[in-house]
Amino acid sequence: GEMLARTSLTGPGRGGAMTTATLPVFLALIAVAYCGKDKPVFTDEMNEIIQTIHDACVGNTGVSEEDITNCENGIFKEDPKLKCYMFCLLEESSLADEDGVVDYDMLLSLIPEEYYDRTSKMILGCKHEDAPGKDKCQSAFDVHKCSYQKDPDLYFLF
């Protein structure tokens, strides 16, 4: 079952809510463009983690697969389900707390070296969209939308 897989991924000696499962997820979440010359090949284990988080967040929000896929083509539908799906990915990856505060330092620390410059420019150039007092789902959506505009070839959403 899913819980078993998740438990076995958590290595010893990791403190706090952060689990080893988070690392590959985030590399996958943010590292590279899905379709395009930068596409990585993920391990089966990584794909499984991505799928688990994807399924959990689709289940939580009821977002349509089409709306997720469309984001990679720059079509960001103004839909609460899609917006909260984007926040859910952060929450499920232990990169946001229950108050909706995203840990951008942790996020950036997970990026592979070869993508670091491009990704950090993209993220830090959009971090301002995540403003205090703004709805957490709206913030996640605005950061995603801005990231796509900054670097469409690098942006991807699973």
Protein backbone atom coordinates (compact mmCIF):
# COMPACT_ATOMS: atom_id res chain seq x y z
CA GLY A 1 0.00 0.00 0.00
CA GLU A 2 0.92 3.66 -0.26
CA MET A 3 1.68 4.09 3.43
CA LEU A 4 4.16 1.25 3.37
CA ALA A 5 6.02 2.71 0.42
CA ARG A 6 6.12 6.11 2.05
CA THR A 7 7.38 4.76 5.37
CA SER A 8 10.20 2.77 3.83
CA LEU A 9 11.46 5.88 2.04
CA THR A 10 12.06 7.71 5.27
CA GLY A 11 15.69 7.13 6.18
CA PRO A 12 17.06 7.24 9.70
CA GLY A 13 18.50 10.39 11.18
CA ARG A 14 16.29 12.89 9.40
CA GLY A 15 14.71 15.24 11.91
CA GLY A 16 11.42 17.12 11.65
CA ALA A 17 8.68 16.67 9.10
CA MET A 18 11.15 16.51 6.22
CA THR A 19 11.50 13.02 4.80
CA THR A 20 13.84 11.65 2.18
CA ALA A 21 10.80 11.27 -0.03
CA THR A 22 10.64 15.03 -0.32
CA LEU A 23 13.98 15.42 -2.05
CA PRO A 24 13.36 13.53 -5.29
CA VAL A 25 9.85 14.90 -5.42
CA PHE A 26 11.08 18.38 -5.39
CA LEU A 27 13.80 17.80 -7.92
CA ALA A 28 11.12 16.41 -10.12
CA LEU A 29 8.65 19.14 -9.32
CA ILE A 30 10.90 21.92 -10.25
CA ALA A 31 14.04 20.75 -11.93
CA VAL A 32 13.19 20.69 -15.58
CA ALA A 33 10.82 21.06 -18.44
CA TYR A 34 8.72 18.05 -19.14
CA CYS A 35 8.70 18.36 -22.86
CA GLY A 36 11.81 19.90 -24.24
CA LYS A 37 15.48 19.20 -24.44
CA ASP A 38 15.94 19.34 -20.69
CA LYS A 39 13.69 16.42 -19.83
CA PRO A 40 15.26 14.15 -17.22
CA VAL A 41 14.79 10.42 -16.88
CA PHE A 42 13.34 9.64 -13.50
CA THR A 43 13.95 6.44 -11.61
CA ASP A 44 10.97 4.18 -10.97
CA GLU A 45 11.15 5.06 -7.32
CA MET A 46 10.99 8.76 -8.10
CA ASN A 47 8.08 8.29 -10.49
CA GLU A 48 6.27 6.38 -7.78
CA ILE A 49 6.74 9.20 -5.27
CA ILE A 50 5.60 11.78 -7.83
CA GLN A 51 2.55 9.66 -8.64
CA THR A 52 1.67 9.27 -4.95
CA ILE A 53 1.78 13.02 -4.33
CA HIS A 54 -0.03 13.75 -7.59
CA ASP A 55 -2.80 11.27 -6.75
CA ALA A 56 -3.16 12.55 -3.19
CA CYS A 57 -3.49 16.15 -4.38
CA VAL A 58 -5.85 15.32 -7.24
CA GLY A 59 -7.92 13.41 -4.66
CA ASN A 60 -7.86 16.33 -2.21
CA THR A 61 -8.79 19.02 -4.70
CA GLY A 62 -10.75 17.31 -7.50
CA VAL A 63 -8.68 19.16 -10.14
CA SER A 64 -8.86 17.83 -13.69
CA GLU A 65 -5.77 16.23 -15.25
CA GLU A 66 -6.28 18.41 -18.31
CA ASP A 67 -6.01 21.62 -16.28
CA ILE A 68 -2.71 20.39 -14.79
CA THR A 69 -1.28 19.46 -18.20
CA ASN A 70 -2.39 22.76 -19.74
CA CYS A 71 -0.18 24.74 -17.35
CA GLU A 72 2.90 23.46 -19.16
CA ASN A 73 1.55 25.10 -22.28
CA GLY A 74 1.03 28.37 -20.45
CA ILE A 75 -2.72 27.91 -19.96
CA PHE A 76 -3.38 28.67 -16.30
CA LYS A 77 -7.10 28.25 -15.69
CA GLU A 78 -8.57 30.51 -13.02
CA ASP A 79 -9.90 27.58 -11.01
CA PRO A 80 -9.81 27.19 -7.22
CA LYS A 81 -9.20 23.44 -7.63
CA LEU A 82 -6.09 24.00 -9.74
CA LYS A 83 -4.81 26.71 -7.42
CA CYS A 84 -5.19 24.50 -4.36
CA TYR A 85 -3.64 21.57 -6.22
CA MET A 86 -0.48 23.67 -6.62
CA PHE A 87 -0.44 24.45 -2.93
CA CYS A 88 -1.15 20.81 -2.07
CA LEU A 89 2.02 19.72 -3.91
CA LEU A 90 4.07 21.98 -1.62
CA GLU A 91 2.26 20.75 1.46
CA GLU A 92 2.62 17.08 0.53
CA SER A 93 6.32 17.67 -0.16
CA SER A 94 6.73 19.19 3.34
CA LEU A 95 7.72 22.51 1.78
CA ALA A 96 4.80 24.48 3.21
CA ASP A 97 3.45 24.51 6.73
CA GLU A 98 -0.20 24.49 7.80
CA ASP A 99 -0.27 28.28 7.74
CA GLY A 100 0.65 28.23 4.08
CA VAL A 101 4.19 29.51 4.60
CA VAL A 102 6.48 28.13 1.90
CA ASP A 103 10.11 27.40 2.75
CA TYR A 104 11.87 28.81 -0.33
CA ASP A 105 15.34 28.23 1.10
CA MET A 106 14.64 24.54 1.51
CA LEU A 107 13.05 24.44 -1.91
CA LEU A 108 16.14 25.94 -3.55
CA SER A 109 18.48 23.67 -1.59
CA LEU A 110 16.89 20.67 -3.33
CA ILE A 111 17.66 21.74 -6.88
CA PRO A 112 20.38 19.86 -8.78
CA GLU A 113 23.42 21.96 -9.52
CA GLU A 114 23.02 22.02 -13.29
CA TYR A 115 19.59 23.68 -12.98
CA TYR A 116 20.29 25.81 -9.95
CA ASP A 117 21.00 29.13 -11.67
CA ARG A 118 17.98 29.02 -13.94
CA THR A 119 15.63 27.70 -11.29
CA SER A 120 16.71 30.08 -8.56
CA LYS A 121 16.30 33.03 -10.95
CA MET A 122 12.84 31.75 -11.82
CA ILE A 123 11.73 31.13 -8.23
CA LEU A 124 13.31 34.17 -6.62
CA GLY A 125 11.97 36.33 -9.42
CA CYS A 126 8.47 35.15 -8.54
CA LYS A 127 8.62 34.76 -4.78
CA HIS A 128 7.09 38.25 -4.35
CA GLU A 129 3.80 36.82 -5.66
CA ASP A 130 3.56 34.90 -2.40
CA ALA A 131 2.49 37.86 -0.30
CA PRO A 132 1.48 37.82 3.38
CA GLY A 133 -2.27 37.80 3.88
CA LYS A 134 -2.93 36.42 0.41
CA ASP A 135 -4.83 33.15 0.04
CA LYS A 136 -2.27 30.31 0.04
CA CYS A 137 -3.78 28.63 -3.04
CA GLN A 138 -3.81 31.94 -4.92
CA SER A 139 -0.19 32.55 -3.91
CA ALA A 140 0.92 29.14 -5.18
CA PHE A 141 -0.94 29.74 -8.45
CA ASP A 142 0.56 33.20 -8.95
CA VAL A 143 4.09 31.93 -8.28
CA HIS A 144 3.57 29.10 -10.81
CA LYS A 145 2.15 31.44 -13.41
CA CYS A 146 4.99 33.90 -12.95
CA SER A 147 7.56 31.06 -13.11
CA TYR A 148 6.17 29.91 -16.42
CA GLN A 149 6.43 33.44 -17.83
CA LYS A 150 10.04 33.78 -16.61
CA ASP A 151 11.27 30.48 -18.09
CA PRO A 152 8.67 28.50 -20.11
CA ASP A 153 11.18 25.81 -21.13
CA LEU A 154 12.16 25.05 -17.57
CA TYR A 155 8.70 25.20 -15.99
CA PHE A 156 6.84 21.99 -15.33
CA LEU A 157 3.92 20.74 -13.27
CA PHE A 158 3.23 17.09 -12.51
